Amino acid sequence: MKFLAEINVMPLKALLDPQGKAVNATLRGNGYPNIEGVRIGKHINLEIEADSYDAASVQVTEVCSRMLSNPVMEGFDFKLTQL
């Protein structure tokens, strides 16, 4: 079976997000004072061939933990859908 994994990798909330702060300041300076809490991360889509949803989920979790995110600074979540 083929699955699509839609992965979001974001900086941990406890850590400073300099990109998010810069974008937030730019938005405020351009007339959007009501927008706050900007955080910048990565969105990754990948297709995976696996025998089951659970097997695909295990592989995506491993890939995210080992290669797509830095667990010291980032967290991740993903949505898995069968194609």
PDB file of N, CA and C in Angstrom:
ATOM      1  N   MET A   1       0.847  -1.179   0.000  1.00  0.00           N
ATOM      2  CA  MET A   1       0.000   0.000   0.000  1.00  0.00           C
ATOM      3  C   MET A   1       0.890   1.239   0.000  1.00  0.00           C
ATOM      4  N   LYS A   2       0.389   2.295  -0.611  1.00  0.00           N
ATOM      5  CA  LYS A   2       1.151   3.528  -0.685  1.00  0.00           C
ATOM      6  C   LYS A   2       0.479   4.578   0.200  1.00  0.00           C
ATOM      7  N   PHE A   3       1.318   5.331   0.920  1.00  0.00           N
ATOM      8  CA  PHE A   3       0.830   6.357   1.826  1.00  0.00           C
ATOM      9  C   PHE A   3       1.524   7.682   1.535  1.00  0.00           C
ATOM     10  N   LEU A   4       0.836   8.763   1.871  1.00  0.00           N
ATOM     11  CA  LEU A   4       1.417  10.102   1.831  1.00  0.00           C
ATOM     12  C   LEU A   4       1.584  10.567   3.267  1.00  0.00           C
ATOM     13  N   ALA A   5       2.801  10.936   3.611  1.00  0.00           N
ATOM     14  CA  ALA A   5       3.073  11.505   4.933  1.00  0.00           C
ATOM     15  C   ALA A   5       3.271  13.006   4.765  1.00  0.00           C
ATOM     16  N   GLU A   6       2.459  13.781   5.488  1.00  0.00           N
ATOM     17  CA  GLU A   6       2.607  15.235   5.514  1.00  0.00           C
ATOM     18  C   GLU A   6       3.174  15.589   6.880  1.00  0.00           C
ATOM     19  N   ILE A   7       4.430  16.029   6.887  1.00  0.00           N
ATOM     20  CA  ILE A   7       5.202  16.194   8.114  1.00  0.00           C
ATOM     21  C   ILE A   7       5.428  17.678   8.390  1.00  0.00           C
ATOM     22  N   ASN A   8       5.241  18.066   9.640  1.00  0.00           N
ATOM     23  CA  ASN A   8       5.566  19.417  10.088  1.00  0.00           C
ATOM     24  C   ASN A   8       6.658  19.321  11.144  1.00  0.00           C
ATOM     25  N   VAL A   9       7.748  20.039  10.915  1.00  0.00           N
ATOM     26  CA  VAL A   9       8.853  20.109  11.864  1.00  0.00           C
ATOM     27  C   VAL A   9       8.913  21.555  12.349  1.00  0.00           C
ATOM     28  N   MET A  10       8.789  21.740  13.666  1.00  0.00           N
ATOM     29  CA  MET A  10       8.742  23.085  14.238  1.00  0.00           C
ATOM     30  C   MET A  10       9.738  23.215  15.388  1.00  0.00           C
ATOM     31  N   PRO A  11      10.255  24.433  15.601  1.00  0.00           N
ATOM     32  CA  PRO A  11      11.118  24.639  16.766  1.00  0.00           C
ATOM     33  C   PRO A  11      10.326  24.374  18.049  1.00  0.00           C
ATOM     34  N   LEU A  12      11.000  23.849  19.050  1.00  0.00           N
ATOM     35  CA  LEU A  12      10.342  23.628  20.334  1.00  0.00           C
ATOM     36  C   LEU A  12       9.861  24.962  20.893  1.00  0.00           C
ATOM     37  N   LYS A  13       8.697  24.956  21.527  1.00  0.00           N
ATOM     38  CA  LYS A  13       8.109  26.194  22.041  1.00  0.00           C
ATOM     39  C   LYS A  13       9.008  26.877  23.073  1.00  0.00           C
ATOM     40  N   ALA A  14       9.789  26.100  23.805  1.00  0.00           N
ATOM     41  CA  ALA A  14      10.653  26.662  24.841  1.00  0.00           C
ATOM     42  C   ALA A  14      11.849  27.418  24.266  1.00  0.00           C
ATOM     43  N   LEU A  15      12.128  27.230  22.972  1.00  0.00           N
ATOM     44  CA  LEU A  15      13.299  27.856  22.363  1.00  0.00           C
ATOM     45  C   LEU A  15      12.922  29.099  21.570  1.00  0.00           C
ATOM     46  N   LEU A  16      13.845  30.024  21.509  1.00  0.00           N
ATOM     47  CA  LEU A  16      13.675  31.230  20.715  1.00  0.00           C
ATOM     48  C   LEU A  16      13.633  30.860  19.236  1.00  0.00           C
ATOM     49  N   ASP A  17      12.731  31.499  18.493  1.00  0.00           N
ATOM     50  CA  ASP A  17      12.620  31.290  17.051  1.00  0.00           C
ATOM     51  C   ASP A  17      12.963  32.608  16.360  1.00  0.00           C
ATOM     52  N   PRO A  18      14.249  32.846  16.031  1.00  0.00           N
ATOM     53  CA  PRO A  18      14.647  34.131  15.460  1.00  0.00           C
ATOM     54  C   PRO A  18      13.940  34.453  14.139  1.00  0.00           C
ATOM     55  N   GLN A  19      13.722  33.449  13.294  1.00  0.00           N
ATOM     56  CA  GLN A  19      13.014  33.698  12.037  1.00  0.00           C
ATOM     57  C   GLN A  19      11.579  34.138  12.312  1.00  0.00           C
ATOM     58  N   GLY A  20      10.935  33.460  13.229  1.00  0.00           N
ATOM     59  CA  GLY A  20       9.563  33.814  13.591  1.00  0.00           C
ATOM     60  C   GLY A  20       9.482  35.217  14.151  1.00  0.00           C
ATOM     61  N   LYS A  21      10.441  35.587  15.004  1.00  0.00           N
ATOM     62  CA  LYS A  21      10.466  36.940  15.579  1.00  0.00           C
ATOM     63  C   LYS A  21      10.661  37.990  14.489  1.00  0.00           C
ATOM     64  N   ALA A  22      11.540  37.720  13.531  1.00  0.00           N
ATOM     65  CA  ALA A  22      11.793  38.665  12.447  1.00  0.00           C
ATOM     66  C   ALA A  22      10.547  38.842  11.581  1.00  0.00           C
ATOM     67  N   VAL A  23       9.879  37.759  11.235  1.00  0.00           N
ATOM     68  CA  VAL A  23       8.664  37.848  10.433  1.00  0.00           C
ATOM     69  C   VAL A  23       7.578  38.577  11.211  1.00  0.00           C
ATOM     70  N   ASN A  24       7.455  38.273  12.499  1.00  0.00           N
ATOM     71  CA  ASN A  24       6.464  38.940  13.345  1.00  0.00           C
ATOM     72  C   ASN A  24       6.698  40.456  13.364  1.00  0.00           C
ATOM     73  N   ALA A  25       7.957  40.875  13.511  1.00  0.00           N
ATOM     74  CA  ALA A  25       8.289  42.308  13.522  1.00  0.00           C
ATOM     75  C   ALA A  25       7.970  42.951  12.174  1.00  0.00           C
ATOM     76  N   THR A  26       8.266  42.242  11.094  1.00  0.00           N
ATOM     77  CA  THR A  26       7.974  42.763   9.758  1.00  0.00           C
ATOM     78  C   THR A  26       6.469  42.921   9.551  1.00  0.00           C
ATOM     79  N   LEU A  27       5.700  41.936   9.997  1.00  0.00           N
ATOM     80  CA  LEU A  27       4.247  42.031   9.876  1.00  0.00           C
ATOM     81  C   LEU A  27       3.706  43.233  10.642  1.00  0.00           C
ATOM     82  N   ARG A  28       4.173  43.408  11.874  1.00  0.00           N
ATOM     83  CA  ARG A  28       3.729  44.550  12.678  1.00  0.00           C
ATOM     84  C   ARG A  28       4.108  45.868  12.004  1.00  0.00           C
ATOM     85  N   GLY A  29       5.318  45.934  11.453  1.00  0.00           N
ATOM     86  CA  GLY A  29       5.777  47.144  10.783  1.00  0.00           C
ATOM     87  C   GLY A  29       5.056  47.437   9.479  1.00  0.00           C
ATOM     88  N   ASN A  30       4.364  46.438   8.944  1.00  0.00           N
ATOM     89  CA  ASN A  30       3.633  46.606   7.696  1.00  0.00           C
ATOM     90  C   ASN A  30       2.119  46.636   7.894  1.00  0.00           C
ATOM     91  N   GLY A  31       1.712  47.006   9.102  1.00  0.00           N
ATOM     92  CA  GLY A  31       0.291  47.230   9.335  1.00  0.00           C
ATOM     93  C   GLY A  31      -0.520  46.048   9.823  1.00  0.00           C
ATOM     94  N   TYR A  32       0.129  45.049  10.382  1.00  0.00           N
ATOM     95  CA  TYR A  32      -0.594  43.891  10.918  1.00  0.00           C
ATOM     96  C   TYR A  32      -0.282  43.709  12.402  1.00  0.00           C
ATOM     97  N   PRO A  33      -0.660  44.673  13.243  1.00  0.00           N
ATOM     98  CA  PRO A  33      -0.329  44.584  14.669  1.00  0.00           C
ATOM     99  C   PRO A  33      -1.098  43.496  15.410  1.00  0.00           C
ATOM    100  N   ASN A  34      -2.151  42.987  14.800  1.00  0.00           N
ATOM    101  CA  ASN A  34      -2.968  41.962  15.451  1.00  0.00           C
ATOM    102  C   ASN A  34      -2.428  40.547  15.263  1.00  0.00           C
ATOM    103  N   ILE A  35      -1.353  40.380  14.483  1.00  0.00           N
ATOM    104  CA  ILE A  35      -0.756  39.057  14.274  1.00  0.00           C
ATOM    105  C   ILE A  35       0.419  38.907  15.237  1.00  0.00           C
ATOM    106  N   GLU A  36       0.446  37.774  15.929  1.00  0.00           N
ATOM    107  CA  GLU A  36       1.542  37.526  16.875  1.00  0.00           C
ATOM    108  C   GLU A  36       1.831  36.038  16.966  1.00  0.00           C
ATOM    109  N   GLY A  37       2.891  35.697  17.647  1.00  0.00           N
ATOM    110  CA  GLY A  37       3.241  34.290  17.862  1.00  0.00           C
ATOM    111  C   GLY A  37       3.676  33.562  16.603  1.00  0.00           C
ATOM    112  N   VAL A  38       4.348  34.258  15.692  1.00  0.00           N
ATOM    113  CA  VAL A  38       4.792  33.631  14.445  1.00  0.00           C
ATOM    114  C   VAL A  38       5.924  32.641  14.748  1.00  0.00           C
ATOM    115  N   ARG A  39       5.803  31.439  14.228  1.00  0.00           N
ATOM    116  CA  ARG A  39       6.840  30.410  14.346  1.00  0.00           C
ATOM    117  C   ARG A  39       7.109  29.891  12.937  1.00  0.00           C
ATOM    118  N   ILE A  40       8.365  29.721  12.600  1.00  0.00           N
ATOM    119  CA  ILE A  40       8.762  29.254  11.276  1.00  0.00           C
ATOM    120  C   ILE A  40       9.305  27.835  11.395  1.00  0.00           C
ATOM    121  N   GLY A  41       8.820  26.937  10.537  1.00  0.00           N
ATOM    122  CA  GLY A  41       9.272  25.555  10.545  1.00  0.00           C
ATOM    123  C   GLY A  41       9.402  25.023   9.128  1.00  0.00           C
ATOM    124  N   LYS A  42       9.337  23.697   9.013  1.00  0.00           N
ATOM    125  CA  LYS A  42       9.458  23.030   7.714  1.00  0.00           C
ATOM    126  C   LYS A  42       8.233  22.151   7.502  1.00  0.00           C
ATOM    127  N   HIS A  43       7.782  22.087   6.254  1.00  0.00           N
ATOM    128  CA  HIS A  43       6.716  21.156   5.878  1.00  0.00           C
ATOM    129  C   HIS A  43       7.301  20.219   4.825  1.00  0.00           C
ATOM    130  N   ILE A  44       7.181  18.925   5.067  1.00  0.00           N
ATOM    131  CA  ILE A  44       7.775  17.924   4.185  1.00  0.00           C
ATOM    132  C   ILE A  44       6.693  16.907   3.806  1.00  0.00           C
ATOM    133  N   ASN A  45       6.557  16.634   2.518  1.00  0.00           N
ATOM    134  CA  ASN A  45       5.683  15.564   2.044  1.00  0.00           C
ATOM    135  C   ASN A  45       6.549  14.429   1.528  1.00  0.00           C
ATOM    136  N   LEU A  46       6.176  13.206   1.856  1.00  0.00           N
ATOM    137  CA  LEU A  46       6.865  12.064   1.273  1.00  0.00           C
ATOM    138  C   LEU A  46       5.879  10.930   1.074  1.00  0.00           C
ATOM    139  N   GLU A  47       6.132  10.161   0.034  1.00  0.00           N
ATOM    140  CA  GLU A  47       5.323   8.975  -0.241  1.00  0.00           C
ATOM    141  C   GLU A  47       6.096   7.764   0.250  1.00  0.00           C
ATOM    142  N   ILE A  48       5.362   6.836   0.837  1.00  0.00           N
ATOM    143  CA  ILE A  48       6.001   5.657   1.408  1.00  0.00           C
ATOM    144  C   ILE A  48       5.196   4.411   1.053  1.00  0.00           C
ATOM    145  N   GLU A  49       5.886   3.374   0.659  1.00  0.00           N
ATOM    146  CA  GLU A  49       5.266   2.075   0.372  1.00  0.00           C
ATOM    147  C   GLU A  49       5.438   1.226   1.623  1.00  0.00           C
ATOM    148  N   ALA A  50       4.323   0.703   2.154  1.00  0.00           N
ATOM    149  CA  ALA A  50       4.375  -0.114   3.371  1.00  0.00           C
ATOM    150  C   ALA A  50       3.227  -1.110   3.356  1.00  0.00           C
ATOM    151  N   ASP A  51       3.365  -2.153   4.156  1.00  0.00           N
ATOM    152  CA  ASP A  51       2.343  -3.205   4.218  1.00  0.00           C
ATOM    153  C   ASP A  51       1.071  -2.752   4.937  1.00  0.00           C
ATOM    154  N   SER A  52       1.210  -1.780   5.857  1.00  0.00           N
ATOM    155  CA  SER A  52       0.056  -1.330   6.635  1.00  0.00           C
ATOM    156  C   SER A  52       0.260   0.113   7.090  1.00  0.00           C
ATOM    157  N   TYR A  53      -0.814   0.695   7.589  1.00  0.00           N
ATOM    158  CA  TYR A  53      -0.745   2.049   8.143  1.00  0.00           C
ATOM    159  C   TYR A  53       0.262   2.088   9.299  1.00  0.00           C
ATOM    160  N   ASP A  54       0.200   1.095  10.182  1.00  0.00           N
ATOM    161  CA  ASP A  54       1.101   1.061  11.341  1.00  0.00           C
ATOM    162  C   ASP A  54       2.562   0.964  10.925  1.00  0.00           C
ATOM    163  N   ALA A  55       2.850   0.144   9.920  1.00  0.00           N
ATOM    164  CA  ALA A  55       4.236   0.010   9.443  1.00  0.00           C
ATOM    165  C   ALA A  55       4.723   1.325   8.838  1.00  0.00           C
ATOM    166  N   ALA A  56       3.858   1.992   8.087  1.00  0.00           N
ATOM    167  CA  ALA A  56       4.227   3.285   7.503  1.00  0.00           C
ATOM    168  C   ALA A  56       4.468   4.312   8.603  1.00  0.00           C
ATOM    169  N   SER A  57       3.612   4.312   9.606  1.00  0.00           N
ATOM    170  CA  SER A  57       3.743   5.261  10.718  1.00  0.00           C
ATOM    171  C   SER A  57       5.060   5.075  11.465  1.00  0.00           C
ATOM    172  N   VAL A  58       5.449   3.826  11.689  1.00  0.00           N
ATOM    173  CA  VAL A  58       6.721   3.539  12.368  1.00  0.00           C
ATOM    174  C   VAL A  58       7.889   4.071  11.536  1.00  0.00           C
ATOM    175  N   GLN A  59       7.858   3.828  10.232  1.00  0.00           N
ATOM    176  CA  GLN A  59       8.959   4.291   9.371  1.00  0.00           C
ATOM    177  C   GLN A  59       9.034   5.814   9.323  1.00  0.00           C
ATOM    178  N   VAL A  60       7.884   6.474   9.213  1.00  0.00           N
ATOM    179  CA  VAL A  60       7.879   7.942   9.172  1.00  0.00           C
ATOM    180  C   VAL A  60       8.412   8.500  10.487  1.00  0.00           C
ATOM    181  N   THR A  61       8.006   7.928  11.596  1.00  0.00           N
ATOM    182  CA  THR A  61       8.504   8.372  12.903  1.00  0.00           C
ATOM    183  C   THR A  61      10.019   8.218  12.989  1.00  0.00           C
ATOM    184  N   GLU A  62      10.550   7.090  12.522  1.00  0.00           N
ATOM    185  CA  GLU A  62      12.000   6.865  12.532  1.00  0.00           C
ATOM    186  C   GLU A  62      12.727   7.898  11.673  1.00  0.00           C
ATOM    187  N   VAL A  63      12.218   8.132  10.463  1.00  0.00           N
ATOM    188  CA  VAL A  63      12.857   9.090   9.554  1.00  0.00           C
ATOM    189  C   VAL A  63      12.837  10.496  10.158  1.00  0.00           C
ATOM    190  N   CYS A  64      11.707  10.871  10.729  1.00  0.00           N
ATOM    191  CA  CYS A  64      11.603  12.207  11.343  1.00  0.00           C
ATOM    192  C   CYS A  64      12.577  12.345  12.513  1.00  0.00           C
ATOM    193  N   SER A  65      12.616  11.333  13.344  1.00  0.00           N
ATOM    194  CA  SER A  65      13.477  11.369  14.536  1.00  0.00           C
ATOM    195  C   SER A  65      14.955  11.365  14.191  1.00  0.00           C
ATOM    196  N   ARG A  66      15.332  10.605  13.163  1.00  0.00           N
ATOM    197  CA  ARG A  66      16.749  10.417  12.849  1.00  0.00           C
ATOM    198  C   ARG A  66      17.298  11.406  11.833  1.00  0.00           C
ATOM    199  N   MET A  67      16.438  11.878  10.890  1.00  0.00           N
ATOM    200  CA  MET A  67      16.986  12.655   9.777  1.00  0.00           C
ATOM    201  C   MET A  67      16.308  13.993   9.504  1.00  0.00           C
ATOM    202  N   LEU A  68      15.028  14.092   9.737  1.00  0.00           N
ATOM    203  CA  LEU A  68      14.322  15.301   9.323  1.00  0.00           C
ATOM    204  C   LEU A  68      14.196  16.354  10.415  1.00  0.00           C
ATOM    205  N   SER A  69      14.452  15.974  11.651  1.00  0.00           N
ATOM    206  CA  SER A  69      14.358  16.945  12.743  1.00  0.00           C
ATOM    207  C   SER A  69      15.548  16.782  13.681  1.00  0.00           C
ATOM    208  N   ASN A  70      15.841  17.844  14.389  1.00  0.00           N
ATOM    209  CA  ASN A  70      16.864  17.826  15.430  1.00  0.00           C
ATOM    210  C   ASN A  70      16.117  17.783  16.761  1.00  0.00           C
ATOM    211  N   PRO A  71      16.080  16.619  17.439  1.00  0.00           N
ATOM    212  CA  PRO A  71      15.265  16.488  18.648  1.00  0.00           C
ATOM    213  C   PRO A  71      15.648  17.436  19.782  1.00  0.00           C
ATOM    214  N   VAL A  72      16.844  17.984  19.736  1.00  0.00           N
ATOM    215  CA  VAL A  72      17.265  18.942  20.760  1.00  0.00           C
ATOM    216  C   VAL A  72      16.535  20.276  20.578  1.00  0.00           C
ATOM    217  N   MET A  73      16.241  20.620  19.312  1.00  0.00           N
ATOM    218  CA  MET A  73      15.673  21.938  19.024  1.00  0.00           C
ATOM    219  C   MET A  73      14.293  21.905  18.373  1.00  0.00           C
ATOM    220  N   GLU A  74      13.882  20.748  17.860  1.00  0.00           N
ATOM    221  CA  GLU A  74      12.652  20.692  17.075  1.00  0.00           C
ATOM    222  C   GLU A  74      11.774  19.515  17.486  1.00  0.00           C
ATOM    223  N   GLY A  75      10.489  19.691  17.259  1.00  0.00           N
ATOM    224  CA  GLY A  75       9.530  18.613  17.401  1.00  0.00           C
ATOM    225  C   GLY A  75       8.871  18.388  16.048  1.00  0.00           C
ATOM    226  N   PHE A  76       8.143  17.299  15.909  1.00  0.00           N
ATOM    227  CA  PHE A  76       7.478  17.029  14.636  1.00  0.00           C
ATOM    228  C   PHE A  76       6.136  16.367  14.885  1.00  0.00           C
ATOM    229  N   ASP A  77       5.269  16.511  13.907  1.00  0.00           N
ATOM    230  CA  ASP A  77       4.041  15.734  13.848  1.00  0.00           C
ATOM    231  C   ASP A  77       3.781  15.427  12.379  1.00  0.00           C
ATOM    232  N   PHE A  78       2.911  14.460  12.138  1.00  0.00           N
ATOM    233  CA  PHE A  78       2.623  14.123  10.749  1.00  0.00           C
ATOM    234  C   PHE A  78       1.222  13.563  10.616  1.00  0.00           C
ATOM    235  N   LYS A  79       0.725  13.683   9.399  1.00  0.00           N
ATOM    236  CA  LYS A  79      -0.562  13.094   9.015  1.00  0.00           C
ATOM    237  C   LYS A  79      -0.249  12.077   7.930  1.00  0.00           C
ATOM    238  N   LEU A  80      -0.812  10.910   8.054  1.00  0.00           N
ATOM    239  CA  LEU A  80      -0.550   9.822   7.113  1.00  0.00           C
ATOM    240  C   LEU A  80      -1.873   9.445   6.437  1.00  0.00           C
ATOM    241  N   THR A  81      -1.881   9.475   5.108  1.00  0.00           N
ATOM    242  CA  THR A  81      -3.082   9.101   4.365  1.00  0.00           C
ATOM    243  C   THR A  81      -2.717   8.082   3.296  1.00  0.00           C
ATOM    244  N   GLN A  82      -3.628   7.142   3.104  1.00  0.00           N
ATOM    245  CA  GLN A  82      -3.408   6.126   2.082  1.00  0.00           C
ATOM    246  C   GLN A  82      -3.730   6.724   0.716  1.00  0.00           C
ATOM    247  N   LEU A  83      -2.852   6.447  -0.245  1.00  0.00           N
ATOM    248  CA  LEU A  83      -3.067   6.948  -1.622  1.00  0.00           C
ATOM    249  C   LEU A  83      -3.817   5.931  -2.454  1.00  0.00           C
TER     250      LEU A  83
END
